[in-house]
Structures are given as structure tokens and as C-alpha cells.
Amino acid sequence: MGIPKYRDFLGYGYDELPVPDGAVIIPFVGDSNKFYLVHTDLKYINISEGRLLFSYDLYYSIIDMNLDNGLGGVIPSEKEILFFSDTLTNTGIQAVKHGNGKDWWLICHEYGSNNYYSF
């Protein structure tokens, strides 16, 4: 039987990526040297059709461009902080600038429903 290959589990998304748009970078409001990196994880979930790879958790890290002599880096105490858990679709997360011109909305879609989450 052997070890399953990558393509035995994945076969959707553009360019065959398991989660296209699985990460987004959003600038801090009021600090042009810091950014949020928001990203999903991947977990295998058993469903009636088989074993599929889905996003489940949303994390954020804070990037400070003042670190590493101006090259930037993740603040160690602000790395991969879990802020939301649910089974999400494989369409990733999107960021949209708020109508006030400074804040941002994060939007993602719950798997198997018409529910969308916004932060």
C-alpha cells in the first residue's frame, strides 16, 4: 500500500495549493514600522468523502521592521498567537480596508455553511 502521496489528499485550490490566500499582512494603525501577519494552519479532517486538509485555526504574529538592523522580524513574544478556531473553507482569508481609511477587516468563510467571520 505504501505511504500516501501529497496529491492523494490535495486536489483543489488554484495551483493545487491547500489554502490559497492562507496568510495576509496588515499594517498597524499609528505605527508604520509594525505589521500583523495573520495566517491559518492546516489539519486533516475525516469527512464522509475521505480525509481532507482544512484550515482550522487563525493565528497572528507581529512584525517589527526595526528588528534585525532594519530588515524586520517577528517579535518573539508576539508570535503565532491563536485568536480564532473553527473549520474554515480552503479559500483562505481576505483583508479589506475599512471605510474609515485606517482600520482593516479580516474575512473568512466557515466550511459547509453560509457563515462568514469578520474581525
PDB file of N, CA and C in Angstrom:
ATOM      1  N   MET A   1       0.820  -1.184   0.000  1.00  0.00           N
ATOM      2  CA  MET A   1       0.000   0.000   0.000  1.00  0.00           C
ATOM      3  C   MET A   1       0.865   1.249   0.000  1.00  0.00           C
ATOM      4  N   GLY A   2       1.829   1.343   0.878  1.00  0.00           N
ATOM      5  CA  GLY A   2       2.770   2.457   0.857  1.00  0.00           C
ATOM      6  C   GLY A   2       2.248   3.716   1.531  1.00  0.00           C
ATOM      7  N   ILE A   3       3.105   4.715   1.544  1.00  0.00           N
ATOM      8  CA  ILE A   3       2.771   5.998   2.148  1.00  0.00           C
ATOM      9  C   ILE A   3       1.992   6.830   1.138  1.00  0.00           C
ATOM     10  N   PRO A   4       0.853   7.424   1.556  1.00  0.00           N
ATOM     11  CA  PRO A   4       0.092   8.261   0.620  1.00  0.00           C
ATOM     12  C   PRO A   4       0.929   9.444   0.155  1.00  0.00           C
ATOM     13  N   LYS A   5       0.741   9.826  -1.070  1.00  0.00           N
ATOM     14  CA  LYS A   5       1.453  10.959  -1.621  1.00  0.00           C
ATOM     15  C   LYS A   5       0.662  12.229  -1.391  1.00  0.00           C
ATOM     16  N   TYR A   6       1.349  13.351  -1.458  1.00  0.00           N
ATOM     17  CA  TYR A   6       0.745  14.670  -1.306  1.00  0.00           C
ATOM     18  C   TYR A   6      -0.518  14.792  -2.145  1.00  0.00           C
ATOM     19  N   ARG A   7      -0.484  14.380  -3.386  1.00  0.00           N
ATOM     20  CA  ARG A   7      -1.599  14.556  -4.289  1.00  0.00           C
ATOM     21  C   ARG A   7      -2.769  13.610  -3.986  1.00  0.00           C
ATOM     22  N   ASP A   8      -2.552  12.594  -3.150  1.00  0.00           N
ATOM     23  CA  ASP A   8      -3.661  11.721  -2.767  1.00  0.00           C
ATOM     24  C   ASP A   8      -4.658  12.453  -1.879  1.00  0.00           C
ATOM     25  N   PHE A   9      -4.197  13.496  -1.189  1.00  0.00           N
ATOM     26  CA  PHE A   9      -5.041  14.225  -0.265  1.00  0.00           C
ATOM     27  C   PHE A   9      -5.499  15.568  -0.807  1.00  0.00           C
ATOM     28  N   LEU A  10      -4.692  16.166  -1.663  1.00  0.00           N
ATOM     29  CA  LEU A  10      -4.965  17.523  -2.110  1.00  0.00           C
ATOM     30  C   LEU A  10      -5.238  17.533  -3.603  1.00  0.00           C
ATOM     31  N   GLY A  11      -6.218  18.272  -4.001  1.00  0.00           N
ATOM     32  CA  GLY A  11      -6.501  18.377  -5.414  1.00  0.00           C
ATOM     33  C   GLY A  11      -7.479  19.499  -5.680  1.00  0.00           C
ATOM     34  N   TYR A  12      -7.377  20.554  -4.934  1.00  0.00           N
ATOM     35  CA  TYR A  12      -8.294  21.670  -5.081  1.00  0.00           C
ATOM     36  C   TYR A  12      -7.523  22.959  -4.855  1.00  0.00           C
ATOM     37  N   GLY A  13      -8.153  24.058  -5.144  1.00  0.00           N
ATOM     38  CA  GLY A  13      -7.495  25.345  -4.997  1.00  0.00           C
ATOM     39  C   GLY A  13      -6.666  25.646  -6.226  1.00  0.00           C
ATOM     40  N   TYR A  14      -6.509  26.926  -6.530  1.00  0.00           N
ATOM     41  CA  TYR A  14      -5.695  27.248  -7.688  1.00  0.00           C
ATOM     42  C   TYR A  14      -4.245  26.898  -7.413  1.00  0.00           C
ATOM     43  N   ASP A  15      -3.568  26.462  -8.435  1.00  0.00           N
ATOM     44  CA  ASP A  15      -2.182  25.974  -8.360  1.00  0.00           C
ATOM     45  C   ASP A  15      -2.026  24.790  -7.414  1.00  0.00           C
ATOM     46  N   GLU A  16      -3.149  24.100  -7.128  1.00  0.00           N
ATOM     47  CA  GLU A  16      -3.139  22.914  -6.265  1.00  0.00           C
ATOM     48  C   GLU A  16      -2.652  23.228  -4.847  1.00  0.00           C
ATOM     49  N   LEU A  17      -2.782  24.468  -4.412  1.00  0.00           N
ATOM     50  CA  LEU A  17      -2.410  24.825  -3.048  1.00  0.00           C
ATOM     51  C   LEU A  17      -3.531  24.433  -2.098  1.00  0.00           C
ATOM     52  N   PRO A  18      -3.204  23.901  -0.907  1.00  0.00           N
ATOM     53  CA  PRO A  18      -4.254  23.513   0.018  1.00  0.00           C
ATOM     54  C   PRO A  18      -5.074  24.700   0.519  1.00  0.00           C
ATOM     55  N   VAL A  19      -4.444  25.849   0.721  1.00  0.00           N
ATOM     56  CA  VAL A  19      -5.177  27.043   1.154  1.00  0.00           C
ATOM     57  C   VAL A  19      -4.586  28.268   0.441  1.00  0.00           C
ATOM     58  N   PRO A  20      -5.069  28.550  -0.763  1.00  0.00           N
ATOM     59  CA  PRO A  20      -4.632  29.796  -1.387  1.00  0.00           C
ATOM     60  C   PRO A  20      -5.054  30.961  -0.499  1.00  0.00           C
ATOM     61  N   ASP A  21      -4.269  31.968  -0.428  1.00  0.00           N
ATOM     62  CA  ASP A  21      -4.559  33.129   0.422  1.00  0.00           C
ATOM     63  C   ASP A  21      -4.648  32.738   1.893  1.00  0.00           C
ATOM     64  N   GLY A  22      -3.763  31.860   2.329  1.00  0.00           N
ATOM     65  CA  GLY A  22      -3.753  31.407   3.715  1.00  0.00           C
ATOM     66  C   GLY A  22      -3.037  32.337   4.667  1.00  0.00           C
ATOM     67  N   ALA A  23      -2.537  33.469   4.151  1.00  0.00           N
ATOM     68  CA  ALA A  23      -1.867  34.455   5.009  1.00  0.00           C
ATOM     69  C   ALA A  23      -2.097  35.845   4.430  1.00  0.00           C
ATOM     70  N   VAL A  24      -2.103  36.825   5.314  1.00  0.00           N
ATOM     71  CA  VAL A  24      -2.267  38.218   4.906  1.00  0.00           C
ATOM     72  C   VAL A  24      -1.472  39.093   5.871  1.00  0.00           C
ATOM     73  N   ILE A  25      -0.910  40.181   5.346  1.00  0.00           N
ATOM     74  CA  ILE A  25      -0.172  41.140   6.176  1.00  0.00           C
ATOM     75  C   ILE A  25      -0.960  42.442   6.194  1.00  0.00           C
ATOM     76  N   ILE A  26      -1.178  42.963   7.409  1.00  0.00           N
ATOM     77  CA  ILE A  26      -1.964  44.175   7.599  1.00  0.00           C
ATOM     78  C   ILE A  26      -1.132  45.165   8.410  1.00  0.00           C
ATOM     79  N   PRO A  27      -1.073  46.426   7.975  1.00  0.00           N
ATOM     80  CA  PRO A  27      -0.290  47.409   8.733  1.00  0.00           C
ATOM     81  C   PRO A  27      -0.958  47.775  10.055  1.00  0.00           C
ATOM     82  N   PHE A  28      -0.132  48.093  11.031  1.00  0.00           N
ATOM     83  CA  PHE A  28      -0.621  48.632  12.307  1.00  0.00           C
ATOM     84  C   PHE A  28      -1.200  50.021  12.048  1.00  0.00           C
ATOM     85  N   VAL A  29      -2.210  50.355  12.792  1.00  0.00           N
ATOM     86  CA  VAL A  29      -2.722  51.724  12.761  1.00  0.00           C
ATOM     87  C   VAL A  29      -1.835  52.558  13.688  1.00  0.00           C
ATOM     88  N   GLY A  30      -1.257  53.623  13.193  1.00  0.00           N
ATOM     89  CA  GLY A  30      -0.455  54.522  14.022  1.00  0.00           C
ATOM     90  C   GLY A  30       1.000  54.136  14.194  1.00  0.00           C
ATOM     91  N   ASP A  31       1.467  53.037  13.581  1.00  0.00           N
ATOM     92  CA  ASP A  31       2.886  52.660  13.670  1.00  0.00           C
ATOM     93  C   ASP A  31       3.300  52.055  12.331  1.00  0.00           C
ATOM     94  N   SER A  32       3.944  52.836  11.503  1.00  0.00           N
ATOM     95  CA  SER A  32       4.304  52.393  10.147  1.00  0.00           C
ATOM     96  C   SER A  32       5.423  51.359  10.126  1.00  0.00           C
ATOM     97  N   ASN A  33       6.027  51.057  11.283  1.00  0.00           N
ATOM     98  CA  ASN A  33       7.096  50.052  11.349  1.00  0.00           C
ATOM     99  C   ASN A  33       6.608  48.688  11.808  1.00  0.00           C
ATOM    100  N   LYS A  34       5.310  48.559  12.106  1.00  0.00           N
ATOM    101  CA  LYS A  34       4.788  47.274  12.576  1.00  0.00           C
ATOM    102  C   LYS A  34       3.647  46.797  11.689  1.00  0.00           C
ATOM    103  N   PHE A  35       3.562  45.458  11.585  1.00  0.00           N
ATOM    104  CA  PHE A  35       2.547  44.813  10.765  1.00  0.00           C
ATOM    105  C   PHE A  35       2.031  43.569  11.473  1.00  0.00           C
ATOM    106  N   TYR A  36       0.776  43.236  11.219  1.00  0.00           N
ATOM    107  CA  TYR A  36       0.220  41.958  11.639  1.00  0.00           C
ATOM    108  C   TYR A  36       0.398  40.966  10.503  1.00  0.00           C
ATOM    109  N   LEU A  37       0.876  39.780  10.806  1.00  0.00           N
ATOM    110  CA  LEU A  37       0.857  38.653   9.884  1.00  0.00           C
ATOM    111  C   LEU A  37      -0.215  37.708  10.406  1.00  0.00           C
ATOM    112  N   VAL A  38      -1.305  37.570   9.673  1.00  0.00           N
ATOM    113  CA  VAL A  38      -2.400  36.684  10.053  1.00  0.00           C
ATOM    114  C   VAL A  38      -2.345  35.480   9.134  1.00  0.00           C
ATOM    115  N   HIS A  39      -2.409  34.268   9.713  1.00  0.00           N
ATOM    116  CA  HIS A  39      -2.318  33.066   8.881  1.00  0.00           C
ATOM    117  C   HIS A  39      -3.137  31.926   9.462  1.00  0.00           C
ATOM    118  N   THR A  40      -3.416  30.968   8.612  1.00  0.00           N
ATOM    119  CA  THR A  40      -4.159  29.777   9.018  1.00  0.00           C
ATOM    120  C   THR A  40      -3.181  28.637   9.258  1.00  0.00           C
ATOM    121  N   ASP A  41      -3.703  27.566   9.833  1.00  0.00           N
ATOM    122  CA  ASP A  41      -2.945  26.323   9.911  1.00  0.00           C
ATOM    123  C   ASP A  41      -3.633  25.315   9.006  1.00  0.00           C
ATOM    124  N   LEU A  42      -3.142  24.107   8.986  1.00  0.00           N
ATOM    125  CA  LEU A  42      -3.752  23.031   8.209  1.00  0.00           C
ATOM    126  C   LEU A  42      -3.878  21.805   9.091  1.00  0.00           C
ATOM    127  N   LYS A  43      -5.059  21.181   9.071  1.00  0.00           N
ATOM    128  CA  LYS A  43      -5.290  19.953   9.824  1.00  0.00           C
ATOM    129  C   LYS A  43      -6.077  18.991   8.954  1.00  0.00           C
ATOM    130  N   TYR A  44      -5.736  17.722   9.064  1.00  0.00           N
ATOM    131  CA  TYR A  44      -6.521  16.704   8.376  1.00  0.00           C
ATOM    132  C   TYR A  44      -7.817  16.464   9.137  1.00  0.00           C
ATOM    133  N   ILE A  45      -8.922  16.421   8.412  1.00  0.00           N
ATOM    134  CA  ILE A  45     -10.231  16.179   8.998  1.00  0.00           C
ATOM    135  C   ILE A  45     -10.882  15.041   8.229  1.00  0.00           C
ATOM    136  N   ASN A  46     -11.413  14.068   8.959  1.00  0.00           N
ATOM    137  CA  ASN A  46     -12.111  12.957   8.328  1.00  0.00           C
ATOM    138  C   ASN A  46     -13.563  13.345   8.088  1.00  0.00           C
ATOM    139  N   ILE A  47     -13.980  13.308   6.839  1.00  0.00           N
ATOM    140  CA  ILE A  47     -15.368  13.563   6.481  1.00  0.00           C
ATOM    141  C   ILE A  47     -15.860  12.368   5.671  1.00  0.00           C
ATOM    142  N   SER A  48     -17.136  12.326   5.360  1.00  0.00           N
ATOM    143  CA  SER A  48     -17.700  11.156   4.664  1.00  0.00           C
ATOM    144  C   SER A  48     -17.024  10.898   3.315  1.00  0.00           C
ATOM    145  N   GLU A  49     -16.545  11.950   2.658  1.00  0.00           N
ATOM    146  CA  GLU A  49     -15.881  11.789   1.360  1.00  0.00           C
ATOM    147  C   GLU A  49     -14.428  11.333   1.485  1.00  0.00           C
ATOM    148  N   GLY A  50     -13.887  11.324   2.681  1.00  0.00           N
ATOM    149  CA  GLY A  50     -12.499  10.921   2.879  1.00  0.00           C
ATOM    150  C   GLY A  50     -11.784  11.862   3.826  1.00  0.00           C
ATOM    151  N   ARG A  51     -10.502  11.824   3.754  1.00  0.00           N
ATOM    152  CA  ARG A  51      -9.654  12.637   4.629  1.00  0.00           C
ATOM    153  C   ARG A  51      -9.191  13.859   3.846  1.00  0.00           C
ATOM    154  N   LEU A  52      -9.556  15.048   4.330  1.00  0.00           N
ATOM    155  CA  LEU A  52      -9.211  16.276   3.633  1.00  0.00           C
ATOM    156  C   LEU A  52      -8.431  17.211   4.541  1.00  0.00           C
ATOM    157  N   LEU A  53      -7.696  18.085   3.922  1.00  0.00           N
ATOM    158  CA  LEU A  53      -6.879  19.059   4.627  1.00  0.00           C
ATOM    159  C   LEU A  53      -7.624  20.390   4.655  1.00  0.00           C
ATOM    160  N   PHE A  54      -7.862  20.924   5.859  1.00  0.00           N
ATOM    161  CA  PHE A  54      -8.606  22.164   6.021  1.00  0.00           C
ATOM    162  C   PHE A  54      -7.853  23.125   6.920  1.00  0.00           C
ATOM    163  N   SER A  55      -8.170  24.407   6.766  1.00  0.00           N
ATOM    164  CA  SER A  55      -7.743  25.414   7.740  1.00  0.00           C
ATOM    165  C   SER A  55      -8.648  25.265   8.946  1.00  0.00           C
ATOM    166  N   TYR A  56      -8.097  25.455  10.106  1.00  0.00           N
ATOM    167  CA  TYR A  56      -8.898  25.342  11.311  1.00  0.00           C
ATOM    168  C   TYR A  56      -8.693  26.531  12.247  1.00  0.00           C
ATOM    169  N   ASP A  57      -7.457  26.915  12.481  1.00  0.00           N
ATOM    170  CA  ASP A  57      -7.151  27.986  13.422  1.00  0.00           C
ATOM    171  C   ASP A  57      -6.615  29.208  12.693  1.00  0.00           C
ATOM    172  N   LEU A  58      -6.889  30.382  13.260  1.00  0.00           N
ATOM    173  CA  LEU A  58      -6.288  31.626  12.787  1.00  0.00           C
ATOM    174  C   LEU A  58      -5.313  32.115  13.843  1.00  0.00           C
ATOM    175  N   TYR A  59      -4.137  32.493  13.394  1.00  0.00           N
ATOM    176  CA  TYR A  59      -3.083  32.992  14.265  1.00  0.00           C
ATOM    177  C   TYR A  59      -2.638  34.362  13.782  1.00  0.00           C
ATOM    178  N   TYR A  60      -2.019  35.120  14.677  1.00  0.00           N
ATOM    179  CA  TYR A  60      -1.345  36.330  14.229  1.00  0.00           C
ATOM    180  C   TYR A  60       0.018  36.419  14.884  1.00  0.00           C
ATOM    181  N   SER A  61       0.908  37.078  14.196  1.00  0.00           N
ATOM    182  CA  SER A  61       2.229  37.433  14.700  1.00  0.00           C
ATOM    183  C   SER A  61       2.427  38.909  14.395  1.00  0.00           C
ATOM    184  N   ILE A  62       3.260  39.560  15.175  1.00  0.00           N
ATOM    185  CA  ILE A  62       3.539  40.974  14.931  1.00  0.00           C
ATOM    186  C   ILE A  62       4.969  41.107  14.409  1.00  0.00           C
ATOM    187  N   ILE A  63       5.080  41.754  13.267  1.00  0.00           N
ATOM    188  CA  ILE A  63       6.370  42.010  12.634  1.00  0.00           C
ATOM    189  C   ILE A  63       6.784  43.438  12.949  1.00  0.00           C
ATOM    190  N   ASP A  64       8.023  43.601  13.390  1.00  0.00           N
ATOM    191  CA  ASP A  64       8.574  44.928  13.673  1.00  0.00           C
ATOM    192  C   ASP A  64       9.741  45.148  12.718  1.00  0.00           C
ATOM    193  N   MET A  65       9.602  46.121  11.846  1.00  0.00           N
ATOM    194  CA  MET A  65      10.638  46.389  10.847  1.00  0.00           C
ATOM    195  C   MET A  65      11.887  47.035  11.447  1.00  0.00           C
ATOM    196  N   ASN A  66      11.857  47.400  12.721  1.00  0.00           N
ATOM    197  CA  ASN A  66      13.046  47.932  13.390  1.00  0.00           C
ATOM    198  C   ASN A  66      13.992  46.820  13.830  1.00  0.00           C
ATOM    199  N   LEU A  67      13.517  45.586  13.892  1.00  0.00           N
ATOM    200  CA  LEU A  67      14.356  44.472  14.332  1.00  0.00           C
ATOM    201  C   LEU A  67      15.358  44.084  13.249  1.00  0.00           C
ATOM    202  N   ASP A  68      16.385  43.348  13.647  1.00  0.00           N
ATOM    203  CA  ASP A  68      17.407  42.812  12.738  1.00  0.00           C
ATOM    204  C   ASP A  68      18.009  43.909  11.858  1.00  0.00           C
ATOM    205  N   ASN A  69      18.431  44.982  12.518  1.00  0.00           N
ATOM    206  CA  ASN A  69      19.086  46.104  11.835  1.00  0.00           C
ATOM    207  C   ASN A  69      18.274  46.665  10.675  1.00  0.00           C
ATOM    208  N   GLY A  70      16.958  46.746  10.858  1.00  0.00           N
ATOM    209  CA  GLY A  70      16.092  47.332   9.850  1.00  0.00           C
ATOM    210  C   GLY A  70      15.557  46.372   8.809  1.00  0.00           C
ATOM    211  N   LEU A  71      15.959  45.094   8.885  1.00  0.00           N
ATOM    212  CA  LEU A  71      15.431  44.093   7.946  1.00  0.00           C
ATOM    213  C   LEU A  71      14.065  43.584   8.388  1.00  0.00           C
ATOM    214  N   GLY A  72      13.766  43.757   9.668  1.00  0.00           N
ATOM    215  CA  GLY A  72      12.486  43.324  10.207  1.00  0.00           C
ATOM    216  C   GLY A  72      12.526  41.917  10.760  1.00  0.00           C
ATOM    217  N   GLY A  73      11.592  41.640  11.642  1.00  0.00           N
ATOM    218  CA  GLY A  73      11.478  40.319  12.237  1.00  0.00           C
ATOM    219  C   GLY A  73      10.228  40.226  13.089  1.00  0.00           C
ATOM    220  N   VAL A  74       9.892  39.006  13.461  1.00  0.00           N
ATOM    221  CA  VAL A  74       8.733  38.768  14.313  1.00  0.00           C
ATOM    222  C   VAL A  74       9.139  39.009  15.766  1.00  0.00           C
ATOM    223  N   ILE A  75       8.315  39.742  16.491  1.00  0.00           N
ATOM    224  CA  ILE A  75       8.549  39.959  17.920  1.00  0.00           C
ATOM    225  C   ILE A  75       8.334  38.617  18.621  1.00  0.00           C
ATOM    226  N   PRO A  76       9.356  38.070  19.287  1.00  0.00           N
ATOM    227  CA  PRO A  76       9.249  36.720  19.862  1.00  0.00           C
ATOM    228  C   PRO A  76       8.045  36.507  20.780  1.00  0.00           C
ATOM    229  N   SER A  77       7.695  37.482  21.583  1.00  0.00           N
ATOM    230  CA  SER A  77       6.562  37.319  22.496  1.00  0.00           C
ATOM    231  C   SER A  77       5.212  37.504  21.800  1.00  0.00           C
ATOM    232  N   GLU A  78       5.227  37.871  20.522  1.00  0.00           N
ATOM    233  CA  GLU A  78       4.001  38.112  19.743  1.00  0.00           C
ATOM    234  C   GLU A  78       3.959  37.197  18.511  1.00  0.00           C
ATOM    235  N   LYS A  79       4.360  35.942  18.696  1.00  0.00           N
ATOM    236  CA  LYS A  79       4.472  35.009  17.577  1.00  0.00           C
ATOM    237  C   LYS A  79       3.401  33.921  17.651  1.00  0.00           C
ATOM    238  N   GLU A  80       2.699  33.706  16.547  1.00  0.00           N
ATOM    239  CA  GLU A  80       1.700  32.646  16.390  1.00  0.00           C
ATOM    240  C   GLU A  80       0.710  32.606  17.554  1.00  0.00           C
ATOM    241  N   ILE A  81       0.031  33.707  17.763  1.00  0.00           N
ATOM    242  CA  ILE A  81      -0.966  33.814  18.825  1.00  0.00           C
ATOM    243  C   ILE A  81      -2.321  33.406  18.253  1.00  0.00           C
ATOM    244  N   LEU A  82      -2.899  32.372  18.831  1.00  0.00           N
ATOM    245  CA  LEU A  82      -4.196  31.870  18.384  1.00  0.00           C
ATOM    246  C   LEU A  82      -5.281  32.869  18.746  1.00  0.00           C
ATOM    247  N   PHE A  83      -6.118  33.254  17.767  1.00  0.00           N
ATOM    248  CA  PHE A  83      -7.224  34.142  18.111  1.00  0.00           C
ATOM    249  C   PHE A  83      -8.576  33.671  17.605  1.00  0.00           C
ATOM    250  N   PHE A  84      -8.634  32.549  16.848  1.00  0.00           N
ATOM    251  CA  PHE A  84      -9.918  32.036  16.405  1.00  0.00           C
ATOM    252  C   PHE A  84      -9.774  30.583  15.979  1.00  0.00           C
ATOM    253  N   SER A  85     -10.790  29.738  16.292  1.00  0.00           N
ATOM    254  CA  SER A  85     -10.795  28.332  15.888  1.00  0.00           C
ATOM    255  C   SER A  85     -12.162  27.948  15.339  1.00  0.00           C
ATOM    256  N   ASP A  86     -12.174  27.354  14.166  1.00  0.00           N
ATOM    257  CA  ASP A  86     -13.350  26.767  13.540  1.00  0.00           C
ATOM    258  C   ASP A  86     -12.881  26.159  12.221  1.00  0.00           C
ATOM    259  N   THR A  87     -13.651  25.238  11.676  1.00  0.00           N
ATOM    260  CA  THR A  87     -13.291  24.657  10.388  1.00  0.00           C
ATOM    261  C   THR A  87     -13.639  25.663   9.299  1.00  0.00           C
ATOM    262  N   LEU A  88     -12.632  26.092   8.564  1.00  0.00           N
ATOM    263  CA  LEU A  88     -12.802  27.106   7.533  1.00  0.00           C
ATOM    264  C   LEU A  88     -12.688  26.478   6.151  1.00  0.00           C
ATOM    265  N   THR A  89     -13.193  27.165   5.152  1.00  0.00           N
ATOM    266  CA  THR A  89     -13.061  26.666   3.784  1.00  0.00           C
ATOM    267  C   THR A  89     -11.620  26.812   3.323  1.00  0.00           C
ATOM    268  N   ASN A  90     -11.324  26.223   2.182  1.00  0.00           N
ATOM    269  CA  ASN A  90      -9.962  26.291   1.648  1.00  0.00           C
ATOM    270  C   ASN A  90      -9.750  27.540   0.791  1.00  0.00           C
ATOM    271  N   THR A  91     -10.585  28.558   0.955  1.00  0.00           N
ATOM    272  CA  THR A  91     -10.423  29.785   0.181  1.00  0.00           C
ATOM    273  C   THR A  91      -9.579  30.825   0.894  1.00  0.00           C
ATOM    274  N   GLY A  92      -9.111  30.524   2.075  1.00  0.00           N
ATOM    275  CA  GLY A  92      -8.204  31.417   2.782  1.00  0.00           C
ATOM    276  C   GLY A  92      -8.893  32.563   3.484  1.00  0.00           C
ATOM    277  N   ILE A  93      -8.111  33.593   3.769  1.00  0.00           N
ATOM    278  CA  ILE A  93      -8.607  34.774   4.461  1.00  0.00           C
ATOM    279  C   ILE A  93      -8.357  35.988   3.570  1.00  0.00           C
ATOM    280  N   GLN A  94      -9.209  36.968   3.713  1.00  0.00           N
ATOM    281  CA  GLN A  94      -9.094  38.185   2.920  1.00  0.00           C
ATOM    282  C   GLN A  94      -9.037  39.375   3.862  1.00  0.00           C
ATOM    283  N   ALA A  95      -8.367  40.429   3.427  1.00  0.00           N
ATOM    284  CA  ALA A  95      -8.306  41.684   4.180  1.00  0.00           C
ATOM    285  C   ALA A  95      -8.887  42.796   3.311  1.00  0.00           C
ATOM    286  N   VAL A  96      -9.724  43.618   3.930  1.00  0.00           N
ATOM    287  CA  VAL A  96     -10.364  44.729   3.233  1.00  0.00           C
ATOM    288  C   VAL A  96     -10.222  45.968   4.104  1.00  0.00           C
ATOM    289  N   LYS A  97      -9.787  47.054   3.502  1.00  0.00           N
ATOM    290  CA  LYS A  97      -9.640  48.288   4.264  1.00  0.00           C
ATOM    291  C   LYS A  97     -11.019  48.834   4.646  1.00  0.00           C
ATOM    292  N   HIS A  98     -11.126  49.234   5.896  1.00  0.00           N
ATOM    293  CA  HIS A  98     -12.374  49.783   6.443  1.00  0.00           C
ATOM    294  C   HIS A  98     -12.699  51.107   5.759  1.00  0.00           C
ATOM    295  N   GLY A  99     -13.965  51.462   5.752  1.00  0.00           N
ATOM    296  CA  GLY A  99     -14.411  52.714   5.154  1.00  0.00           C
ATOM    297  C   GLY A  99     -13.828  53.948   5.806  1.00  0.00           C
ATOM    298  N   ASN A 100     -13.308  53.807   7.058  1.00  0.00           N
ATOM    299  CA  ASN A 100     -12.715  54.971   7.721  1.00  0.00           C
ATOM    300  C   ASN A 100     -11.303  55.266   7.216  1.00  0.00           C
ATOM    301  N   GLY A 101     -10.780  54.389   6.330  1.00  0.00           N
ATOM    302  CA  GLY A 101      -9.487  54.637   5.703  1.00  0.00           C
ATOM    303  C   GLY A 101      -8.269  54.280   6.523  1.00  0.00           C
ATOM    304  N   LYS A 102      -8.453  53.744   7.740  1.00  0.00           N
ATOM    305  CA  LYS A 102      -7.274  53.384   8.535  1.00  0.00           C
ATOM    306  C   LYS A 102      -7.341  51.975   9.114  1.00  0.00           C
ATOM    307  N   ASP A 103      -8.524  51.489   9.481  1.00  0.00           N
ATOM    308  CA  ASP A 103      -8.680  50.142  10.039  1.00  0.00           C
ATOM    309  C   ASP A 103      -8.855  49.120   8.924  1.00  0.00           C
ATOM    310  N   TRP A 104      -8.790  47.838   9.303  1.00  0.00           N
ATOM    311  CA  TRP A 104      -8.922  46.743   8.341  1.00  0.00           C
ATOM    312  C   TRP A 104      -9.924  45.721   8.838  1.00  0.00           C
ATOM    313  N   TRP A 105     -10.605  45.040   7.923  1.00  0.00           N
ATOM    314  CA  TRP A 105     -11.464  43.895   8.208  1.00  0.00           C
ATOM    315  C   TRP A 105     -10.771  42.647   7.706  1.00  0.00           C
ATOM    316  N   LEU A 106     -10.807  41.580   8.505  1.00  0.00           N
ATOM    317  CA  LEU A 106     -10.397  40.244   8.061  1.00  0.00           C
ATOM    318  C   LEU A 106     -11.668  39.441   7.846  1.00  0.00           C
ATOM    319  N   ILE A 107     -11.738  38.702   6.748  1.00  0.00           N
ATOM    320  CA  ILE A 107     -12.931  37.932   6.427  1.00  0.00           C
ATOM    321  C   ILE A 107     -12.526  36.518   6.058  1.00  0.00           C
ATOM    322  N   CYS A 108     -13.247  35.525   6.611  1.00  0.00           N
ATOM    323  CA  CYS A 108     -13.037  34.124   6.250  1.00  0.00           C
ATOM    324  C   CYS A 108     -14.381  33.403   6.281  1.00  0.00           C
ATOM    325  N   HIS A 109     -14.445  32.264   5.638  1.00  0.00           N
ATOM    326  CA  HIS A 109     -15.699  31.549   5.415  1.00  0.00           C
ATOM    327  C   HIS A 109     -15.679  30.212   6.163  1.00  0.00           C
ATOM    328  N   GLU A 110     -16.742  29.923   6.897  1.00  0.00           N
ATOM    329  CA  GLU A 110     -16.867  28.656   7.611  1.00  0.00           C
ATOM    330  C   GLU A 110     -17.180  27.534   6.624  1.00  0.00           C
ATOM    331  N   TYR A 111     -16.533  26.392   6.794  1.00  0.00           N
ATOM    332  CA  TYR A 111     -16.757  25.241   5.924  1.00  0.00           C
ATOM    333  C   TYR A 111     -18.185  24.716   6.076  1.00  0.00           C
ATOM    334  N   GLY A 112     -18.805  24.381   4.969  1.00  0.00           N
ATOM    335  CA  GLY A 112     -20.099  23.712   4.967  1.00  0.00           C
ATOM    336  C   GLY A 112     -21.280  24.581   5.377  1.00  0.00           C
ATOM    337  N   SER A 113     -21.124  25.896   5.296  1.00  0.00           N
ATOM    338  CA  SER A 113     -22.230  26.780   5.702  1.00  0.00           C
ATOM    339  C   SER A 113     -22.179  28.068   4.889  1.00  0.00           C
ATOM    340  N   ASN A 114     -23.160  28.914   5.165  1.00  0.00           N
ATOM    341  CA  ASN A 114     -23.183  30.255   4.580  1.00  0.00           C
ATOM    342  C   ASN A 114     -22.603  31.287   5.537  1.00  0.00           C
ATOM    343  N   ASN A 115     -21.975  30.836   6.611  1.00  0.00           N
ATOM    344  CA  ASN A 115     -21.430  31.752   7.628  1.00  0.00           C
ATOM    345  C   ASN A 115     -20.089  32.317   7.204  1.00  0.00           C
ATOM    346  N   TYR A 116     -19.945  33.604   7.396  1.00  0.00           N
ATOM    347  CA  TYR A 116     -18.667  34.290   7.205  1.00  0.00           C
ATOM    348  C   TYR A 116     -18.287  34.934   8.525  1.00  0.00           C
ATOM    349  N   TYR A 117     -16.991  34.925   8.824  1.00  0.00           N
ATOM    350  CA  TYR A 117     -16.493  35.561  10.027  1.00  0.00           C
ATOM    351  C   TYR A 117     -15.763  36.830   9.614  1.00  0.00           C
ATOM    352  N   SER A 118     -15.965  37.879  10.380  1.00  0.00           N
ATOM    353  CA  SER A 118     -15.218  39.114  10.135  1.00  0.00           C
ATOM    354  C   SER A 118     -14.645  39.606  11.456  1.00  0.00           C
ATOM    355  N   PHE A 119     -13.447  40.119  11.379  1.00  0.00           N
ATOM    356  CA  PHE A 119     -12.717  40.613  12.554  1.00  0.00           C
ATOM    357  C   PHE A 119     -12.185  41.986  12.235  1.00  0.00           C
TER     358      PHE A 119
END
